[in-house]
C-alpha atoms as a PDB file:
ATOM      1  CA  MET A   1      48.179 -10.742  37.151  1.00  0.00           C
ATOM      2  CA  ALA A   2      46.898 -12.705  34.191  1.00  0.00           C
ATOM      3  CA  ILE A   3      45.882 -15.757  36.138  1.00  0.00           C
ATOM      4  CA  ARG A   4      43.840 -13.687  38.417  1.00  0.00           C
ATOM      5  CA  ARG A   5      41.874 -12.168  35.495  1.00  0.00           C
ATOM      6  CA  LEU A   6      41.279 -15.739  34.112  1.00  0.00           C
ATOM      7  CA  LYS A   7      40.166 -17.013  37.446  1.00  0.00           C
ATOM      8  CA  LYS A   8      37.776 -13.941  37.878  1.00  0.00           C
ATOM      9  CA  LYS A   9      36.293 -14.517  34.397  1.00  0.00           C
ATOM     10  CA  THR A  10      35.533 -18.148  35.133  1.00  0.00           C
ATOM     11  CA  THR A  11      33.935 -17.498  38.481  1.00  0.00           C
ATOM     12  CA  ALA A  12      32.352 -14.139  38.902  1.00  0.00           C
ATOM     13  CA  GLU A  13      31.686 -13.527  35.272  1.00  0.00           C
ATOM     14  CA  LEU A  14      30.439 -16.569  34.572  1.00  0.00           C
ATOM     15  CA  LEU A  15      28.240 -17.762  37.659  1.00  0.00           C
ATOM     16  CA  TRP A  16      25.338 -19.075  35.591  1.00  0.00           C
ATOM     17  CA  PRO A  17      26.804 -22.893  35.334  1.00  0.00           C
ATOM     18  CA  TYR A  18      27.500 -22.956  39.102  1.00  0.00           C
ATOM     19  CA  PHE A  19      23.793 -22.129  39.887  1.00  0.00           C
ATOM     20  CA  LEU A  20      22.448 -24.538  37.434  1.00  0.00           C
ATOM     21  CA  LYS A  21      24.858 -27.412  38.909  1.00  0.00           C
ATOM     22  CA  LEU A  22      23.460 -26.620  42.347  1.00  0.00           C
ATOM     23  CA  LEU A  23      19.924 -26.545  41.193  1.00  0.00           C
ATOM     24  CA  LYS A  24      20.373 -29.653  39.262  1.00  0.00           C
ATOM     25  CA  LYS A  25      20.428 -31.431  42.927  1.00  0.00           C
ATOM     26  CA  ARG A  26      17.387 -29.500  44.399  1.00  0.00           C
ATOM     27  CA  PRO A  27      15.796 -26.239  44.402  1.00  0.00           C
ATOM     28  CA  MET A  28      17.181 -23.374  46.355  1.00  0.00           C
ATOM     29  CA  TYR A  29      16.676 -19.853  47.655  1.00  0.00           C
ATOM     30  CA  GLY A  30      19.342 -17.091  46.591  1.00  0.00           C
ATOM     31  CA  TYR A  31      20.997 -16.971  49.517  1.00  0.00           C
ATOM     32  CA  GLU A  32      21.429 -20.604  49.638  1.00  0.00           C
ATOM     33  CA  LEU A  33      22.957 -20.419  46.400  1.00  0.00           C
ATOM     34  CA  ARG A  34      25.629 -18.219  47.389  1.00  0.00           C
ATOM     35  CA  GLN A  35      26.490 -20.205  50.565  1.00  0.00           C
ATOM     36  CA  GLU A  36      26.824 -23.362  48.365  1.00  0.00           C
ATOM     37  CA  VAL A  37      28.834 -21.715  45.834  1.00  0.00           C
ATOM     38  CA  ILE A  38      31.136 -20.746  48.668  1.00  0.00           C
ATOM     39  CA  LYS A  39      31.074 -24.128  50.398  1.00  0.00           C
ATOM     40  CA  GLN A  40      31.385 -26.479  47.137  1.00  0.00           C
ATOM     41  CA  PHE A  41      33.370 -24.284  44.813  1.00  0.00           C
ATOM     42  CA  GLY A  42      35.502 -22.025  47.043  1.00  0.00           C
ATOM     43  CA  TRP A  43      34.741 -18.546  46.169  1.00  0.00           C
ATOM     44  CA  LYS A  44      31.941 -15.990  47.008  1.00  0.00           C
ATOM     45  CA  PRO A  45      29.781 -14.282  44.603  1.00  0.00           C
ATOM     46  CA  ALA A  46      28.700 -10.712  44.941  1.00  0.00           C
ATOM     47  CA  THR A  47      25.068 -10.211  45.996  1.00  0.00           C
ATOM     48  CA  VAL A  48      23.782  -8.141  43.040  1.00  0.00           C
ATOM     49  CA  THR A  49      25.584 -10.188  40.633  1.00  0.00           C
ATOM     50  CA  SER A  50      23.856 -13.511  41.799  1.00  0.00           C
ATOM     51  CA  TYR A  51      20.433 -12.152  41.903  1.00  0.00           C
ATOM     52  CA  LEU A  52      21.089 -10.540  38.533  1.00  0.00           C
ATOM     53  CA  VAL A  53      22.066 -13.622  37.142  1.00  0.00           C
ATOM     54  CA  LEU A  54      19.139 -15.545  38.740  1.00  0.00           C
ATOM     55  CA  TYR A  55      16.712 -12.936  37.117  1.00  0.00           C
ATOM     56  CA  ARG A  56      18.308 -13.615  33.767  1.00  0.00           C
ATOM     57  CA  LEU A  57      18.079 -17.544  34.444  1.00  0.00           C
ATOM     58  CA  GLN A  58      14.540 -16.859  35.291  1.00  0.00           C
ATOM     59  CA  HIS A  59      13.714 -14.763  32.011  1.00  0.00           C
ATOM     60  CA  GLY A  60      15.653 -17.098  29.987  1.00  0.00           C
ATOM     61  CA  GLY A  61      13.511 -19.943  31.060  1.00  0.00           C
ATOM     62  CA  TYR A  62      16.295 -21.868  32.545  1.00  0.00           C
ATOM     63  CA  VAL A  63      14.874 -21.890  36.105  1.00  0.00           C
ATOM     64  CA  THR A  64      11.442 -21.362  37.572  1.00  0.00           C
ATOM     65  CA  ILE A  65      10.419 -19.897  40.854  1.00  0.00           C
ATOM     66  CA  ALA A  66       8.124 -20.973  43.802  1.00  0.00           C
ATOM     67  CA  TRP A  67       7.157 -18.995  46.815  1.00  0.00           C
ATOM     68  CA  ARG A  68       7.293 -21.430  50.161  1.00  0.00           C
ATOM     69  CA  GLU A  69       5.706 -20.587  53.171  1.00  0.00           C
ATOM     70  CA  GLN A  70       7.683 -20.559  56.306  1.00  0.00           C
ATOM     71  CA  ARG A  71       6.381 -20.836  59.672  1.00  0.00           C
ATOM     72  CA  GLY A  72       6.544 -17.038  61.276  1.00  0.00           C
ATOM     73  CA  LYS A  73       8.548 -15.818  58.776  1.00  0.00           C
ATOM     74  CA  PRO A  74       8.203 -14.277  55.458  1.00  0.00           C
ATOM     75  CA  ALA A  75       8.106 -16.672  52.187  1.00  0.00           C
ATOM     76  CA  ARG A  76      11.132 -17.449  50.566  1.00  0.00           C
ATOM     77  CA  LYS A  77      11.347 -17.398  46.818  1.00  0.00           C
ATOM     78  CA  TYR A  78      12.941 -21.109  45.453  1.00  0.00           C
ATOM     79  CA  TYR A  79      14.695 -21.394  42.501  1.00  0.00           C
ATOM     80  CA  LYS A  80      14.162 -24.719  40.501  1.00  0.00           C
ATOM     81  CA  LEU A  81      16.178 -25.724  37.378  1.00  0.00           C
ATOM     82  CA  THR A  82      14.071 -26.467  33.929  1.00  0.00           C
ATOM     83  CA  LYS A  83      14.706 -28.812  31.441  1.00  0.00           C
ATOM     84  CA  LYS A  84      15.797 -25.925  29.506  1.00  0.00           C
ATOM     85  CA  GLY A  85      18.380 -25.028  31.958  1.00  0.00           C
ATOM     86  CA  GLU A  86      19.492 -28.820  32.300  1.00  0.00           C
ATOM     87  CA  GLU A  87      20.076 -28.639  28.511  1.00  0.00           C
ATOM     88  CA  LEU A  88      22.123 -25.196  28.830  1.00  0.00           C
ATOM     89  CA  LEU A  89      24.318 -26.691  31.748  1.00  0.00           C
ATOM     90  CA  GLU A  90      24.941 -29.750  29.723  1.00  0.00           C
ATOM     91  CA  GLU A  91      26.047 -27.635  26.528  1.00  0.00           C
ATOM     92  CA  GLY A  92      28.162 -25.405  29.072  1.00  0.00           C
ATOM     93  CA  ILE A  93      29.823 -28.274  30.277  1.00  0.00           C
ATOM     94  CA  LYS A  94      30.366 -29.865  26.914  1.00  0.00           C
ATOM     95  CA  TYR A  95      32.092 -26.505  25.781  1.00  0.00           C
ATOM     96  CA  LEU A  96      34.414 -25.914  28.608  1.00  0.00           C
ATOM     97  CA  LYS A  97      35.559 -29.500  28.330  1.00  0.00           C
ATOM     98  CA  GLU A  98      36.287 -29.106  24.770  1.00  0.00           C
ATOM     99  CA  PHE A  99      38.027 -25.942  25.661  1.00  0.00           C
ATOM    100  CA  SER A 100      39.845 -27.449  28.371  1.00  0.00           C
ATOM    101  CA  SER A 101      41.052 -30.243  25.831  1.00  0.00           C
ATOM    102  CA  LYS A 102      42.148 -27.977  23.130  1.00  0.00           C
ATOM    103  CA  LEU A 103      44.460 -26.053  25.558  1.00  0.00           C
ATOM    104  CA  SER A 104      45.894 -29.128  27.112  1.00  0.00           C
ATOM    105  CA  GLY A 105      46.519 -30.657  23.328  1.00  0.00           C
ATOM    106  CA  LYS A 106      44.508 -33.907  24.547  1.00  0.00           C
END
């Protein structure tokens, strides 16, 4: 039971680092981000949670949005990592490495 809670806390409840890591590679739209989390990290974030996290990242200045037209289809909203978002990702990675190091005694 405890390991299941830990996994939930470090995945579904901590979605923003996963999104920022993916956006560091290239801009993506919301559904695409969710699919990449499944593909690259092995778990499926909830739809509503995903868009709430993206909204908060946008309003925090960590990502920007751009609408892209598609031939014969509605425009898509693409998310792009900002410099501030890159810095947040690096801080998050540093924190998690320190946290892991403290737990492992290294």
